[in-house]
Amino acid sequence: MVSKPLTADRKRQKLTPAQYSSIAKSDPFRKLIRIKKTFIIPFTIFFLCFYFALPILTSYTSILNHSFYGSITWAWVFAFLQFIMTWALCMIYYKKAAKFDEISDQIIAEEGR
């Protein structure tokens, strides 16, 4: 019997604790976790720094109070850039998560037999 690769359209198969344990100890799974960490941790740090920079800079400094264009200050520009940054990070993560799902489906197909 040939098993079809898992996709988002198919429900994931239920794994027994023994199957999950063997998958979690496998080298491909550990590599997947390492790849995910190298992507997620820097993006999370960047997001938190960028997000908390606005309230910190507006509360404790006057750097963002200078005029950008006319009566628009840098604080407004920075706040607008946070929306763009959030959407961009969401799109990037969406693409990367699809790749992570493909890799995990392959691991389950190979190891979870």
C-alpha atoms as a PDB file:
ATOM      1  CA  MET A   1       0.000   0.000   0.000  1.00  0.00           C
ATOM      2  CA  VAL A   2       1.458   3.339  -1.071  1.00  0.00           C
ATOM      3  CA  SER A   3       0.750   6.199   1.276  1.00  0.00           C
ATOM      4  CA  LYS A   4      -0.010   9.598  -0.152  1.00  0.00           C
ATOM      5  CA  PRO A   5       2.012  12.531   1.127  1.00  0.00           C
ATOM      6  CA  LEU A   6       0.184  14.609   3.684  1.00  0.00           C
ATOM      7  CA  THR A   7      -1.171  17.929   2.524  1.00  0.00           C
ATOM      8  CA  ALA A   8      -3.239  20.676   4.059  1.00  0.00           C
ATOM      9  CA  ASP A   9      -6.302  19.076   2.439  1.00  0.00           C
ATOM     10  CA  ARG A  10      -5.824  15.732   4.188  1.00  0.00           C
ATOM     11  CA  LYS A  11      -6.223  15.272   7.890  1.00  0.00           C
ATOM     12  CA  ARG A  12      -3.074  14.358   9.727  1.00  0.00           C
ATOM     13  CA  GLN A  13      -2.824  10.787  10.810  1.00  0.00           C
ATOM     14  CA  LYS A  14      -2.930  10.031  14.505  1.00  0.00           C
ATOM     15  CA  LEU A  15       0.457   8.976  15.788  1.00  0.00           C
ATOM     16  CA  THR A  16       0.960   6.755  18.759  1.00  0.00           C
ATOM     17  CA  PRO A  17       3.274   7.979  21.516  1.00  0.00           C
ATOM     18  CA  ALA A  18       5.886   5.458  20.390  1.00  0.00           C
ATOM     19  CA  GLN A  19       5.733   6.714  16.798  1.00  0.00           C
ATOM     20  CA  TYR A  20       5.979  10.327  17.913  1.00  0.00           C
ATOM     21  CA  SER A  21       8.906   9.501  20.180  1.00  0.00           C
ATOM     22  CA  SER A  22      10.807   7.827  17.349  1.00  0.00           C
ATOM     23  CA  ILE A  23      10.106  10.785  15.041  1.00  0.00           C
ATOM     24  CA  ALA A  24      11.195  13.304  17.686  1.00  0.00           C
ATOM     25  CA  LYS A  25      14.512  11.472  18.091  1.00  0.00           C
ATOM     26  CA  SER A  26      15.223  11.301  14.352  1.00  0.00           C
ATOM     27  CA  ASP A  27      17.845  13.477  12.687  1.00  0.00           C
ATOM     28  CA  PRO A  28      15.471  14.990  10.073  1.00  0.00           C
ATOM     29  CA  PHE A  29      13.104  16.127  12.832  1.00  0.00           C
ATOM     30  CA  ARG A  30      15.938  17.690  14.831  1.00  0.00           C
ATOM     31  CA  LYS A  31      17.133  19.431  11.677  1.00  0.00           C
ATOM     32  CA  LEU A  32      13.616  20.792  11.100  1.00  0.00           C
ATOM     33  CA  ILE A  33      13.477  22.150  14.647  1.00  0.00           C
ATOM     34  CA  ARG A  34      16.904  23.766  14.206  1.00  0.00           C
ATOM     35  CA  ILE A  35      15.817  25.378  10.908  1.00  0.00           C
ATOM     36  CA  LYS A  36      12.620  26.678  12.493  1.00  0.00           C
ATOM     37  CA  LYS A  37      14.525  28.146  15.435  1.00  0.00           C
ATOM     38  CA  THR A  38      17.015  29.921  13.185  1.00  0.00           C
ATOM     39  CA  PHE A  39      14.080  31.543  11.414  1.00  0.00           C
ATOM     40  CA  ILE A  40      11.663  32.220  14.276  1.00  0.00           C
ATOM     41  CA  ILE A  41      14.009  33.524  16.974  1.00  0.00           C
ATOM     42  CA  PRO A  42      15.604  36.384  14.948  1.00  0.00           C
ATOM     43  CA  PHE A  43      12.226  37.406  13.511  1.00  0.00           C
ATOM     44  CA  THR A  44      10.678  37.454  16.983  1.00  0.00           C
ATOM     45  CA  ILE A  45      13.522  39.543  18.391  1.00  0.00           C
ATOM     46  CA  PHE A  46      13.281  41.982  15.467  1.00  0.00           C
ATOM     47  CA  PHE A  47       9.493  42.247  15.837  1.00  0.00           C
ATOM     48  CA  LEU A  48       9.632  42.904  19.585  1.00  0.00           C
ATOM     49  CA  CYS A  49      12.413  45.482  19.254  1.00  0.00           C
ATOM     50  CA  PHE A  50      10.647  47.296  16.421  1.00  0.00           C
ATOM     51  CA  TYR A  51       7.269  47.128  18.169  1.00  0.00           C
ATOM     52  CA  PHE A  52       8.451  48.393  21.571  1.00  0.00           C
ATOM     53  CA  ALA A  53      10.717  51.047  20.065  1.00  0.00           C
ATOM     54  CA  LEU A  54       7.757  53.347  19.339  1.00  0.00           C
ATOM     55  CA  PRO A  55       6.391  53.615  22.887  1.00  0.00           C
ATOM     56  CA  ILE A  56       9.887  53.800  24.349  1.00  0.00           C
ATOM     57  CA  LEU A  57      11.086  56.467  21.913  1.00  0.00           C
ATOM     58  CA  THR A  58       7.941  58.573  22.262  1.00  0.00           C
ATOM     59  CA  SER A  59       7.848  58.311  26.054  1.00  0.00           C
ATOM     60  CA  TYR A  60      11.481  58.891  26.952  1.00  0.00           C
ATOM     61  CA  THR A  61      12.948  60.864  24.033  1.00  0.00           C
ATOM     62  CA  SER A  62      11.935  63.557  21.600  1.00  0.00           C
ATOM     63  CA  ILE A  63      13.634  61.973  18.568  1.00  0.00           C
ATOM     64  CA  LEU A  64      10.375  61.151  16.797  1.00  0.00           C
ATOM     65  CA  ASN A  65       8.859  64.592  17.419  1.00  0.00           C
ATOM     66  CA  HIS A  66      10.774  66.174  14.532  1.00  0.00           C
ATOM     67  CA  SER A  67       8.933  66.969  11.336  1.00  0.00           C
ATOM     68  CA  PHE A  68       9.045  64.413   8.543  1.00  0.00           C
ATOM     69  CA  TYR A  69       6.939  66.304   6.021  1.00  0.00           C
ATOM     70  CA  GLY A  70       4.846  69.312   6.894  1.00  0.00           C
ATOM     71  CA  SER A  71       3.009  68.629  10.145  1.00  0.00           C
ATOM     72  CA  ILE A  72       3.636  64.853   9.977  1.00  0.00           C
ATOM     73  CA  THR A  73       6.214  63.787  12.532  1.00  0.00           C
ATOM     74  CA  TRP A  74       8.509  60.775  12.527  1.00  0.00           C
ATOM     75  CA  ALA A  75       6.293  59.181  15.204  1.00  0.00           C
ATOM     76  CA  TRP A  76       3.466  58.898  12.654  1.00  0.00           C
ATOM     77  CA  VAL A  77       5.837  57.467  10.065  1.00  0.00           C
ATOM     78  CA  PHE A  78       7.184  54.936  12.554  1.00  0.00           C
ATOM     79  CA  ALA A  79       3.651  53.933  13.582  1.00  0.00           C
ATOM     80  CA  PHE A  80       2.665  53.449   9.930  1.00  0.00           C
ATOM     81  CA  LEU A  81       5.802  51.383   9.329  1.00  0.00           C
ATOM     82  CA  GLN A  82       4.725  49.066  12.142  1.00  0.00           C
ATOM     83  CA  PHE A  83       1.635  48.132  10.136  1.00  0.00           C
ATOM     84  CA  ILE A  84       3.761  47.445   7.069  1.00  0.00           C
ATOM     85  CA  MET A  85       6.255  45.459   9.145  1.00  0.00           C
ATOM     86  CA  THR A  86       3.498  43.336  10.665  1.00  0.00           C
ATOM     87  CA  TRP A  87       1.967  42.500   7.286  1.00  0.00           C
ATOM     88  CA  ALA A  88       5.388  41.762   5.792  1.00  0.00           C
ATOM     89  CA  LEU A  89       6.362  39.444   8.642  1.00  0.00           C
ATOM     90  CA  CYS A  90       3.015  37.667   8.384  1.00  0.00           C
ATOM     91  CA  MET A  91       3.493  37.066   4.655  1.00  0.00           C
ATOM     92  CA  ILE A  92       7.069  35.875   5.135  1.00  0.00           C
ATOM     93  CA  TYR A  93       6.039  33.532   7.934  1.00  0.00           C
ATOM     94  CA  TYR A  94       3.129  32.198   5.879  1.00  0.00           C
ATOM     95  CA  LYS A  95       5.513  31.211   3.086  1.00  0.00           C
ATOM     96  CA  LYS A  96       8.067  29.685   5.463  1.00  0.00           C
ATOM     97  CA  ALA A  97       5.386  27.796   7.411  1.00  0.00           C
ATOM     98  CA  ALA A  98       4.247  26.114   4.202  1.00  0.00           C
ATOM     99  CA  LYS A  99       7.799  24.870   3.672  1.00  0.00           C
ATOM    100  CA  PHE A 100       8.003  23.721   7.302  1.00  0.00           C
ATOM    101  CA  ASP A 101       4.743  21.815   6.813  1.00  0.00           C
ATOM    102  CA  GLU A 102       6.072  20.117   3.698  1.00  0.00           C
ATOM    103  CA  ILE A 103       9.209  19.030   5.536  1.00  0.00           C
ATOM    104  CA  SER A 104       7.217  17.756   8.516  1.00  0.00           C
ATOM    105  CA  ASP A 105       4.874  15.845   6.199  1.00  0.00           C
ATOM    106  CA  GLN A 106       7.896  14.187   4.592  1.00  0.00           C
ATOM    107  CA  ILE A 107       9.315  13.293   8.009  1.00  0.00           C
ATOM    108  CA  ILE A 108       6.015  11.774   9.122  1.00  0.00           C
ATOM    109  CA  ALA A 109       5.702   9.850   5.866  1.00  0.00           C
ATOM    110  CA  GLU A 110       9.230   8.447   6.194  1.00  0.00           C
ATOM    111  CA  GLU A 111       9.469   7.893   9.931  1.00  0.00           C
ATOM    112  CA  GLY A 112       5.867   7.340  10.958  1.00  0.00           C
ATOM    113  CA  ARG A 113       5.230   4.177   8.983  1.00  0.00           C
END
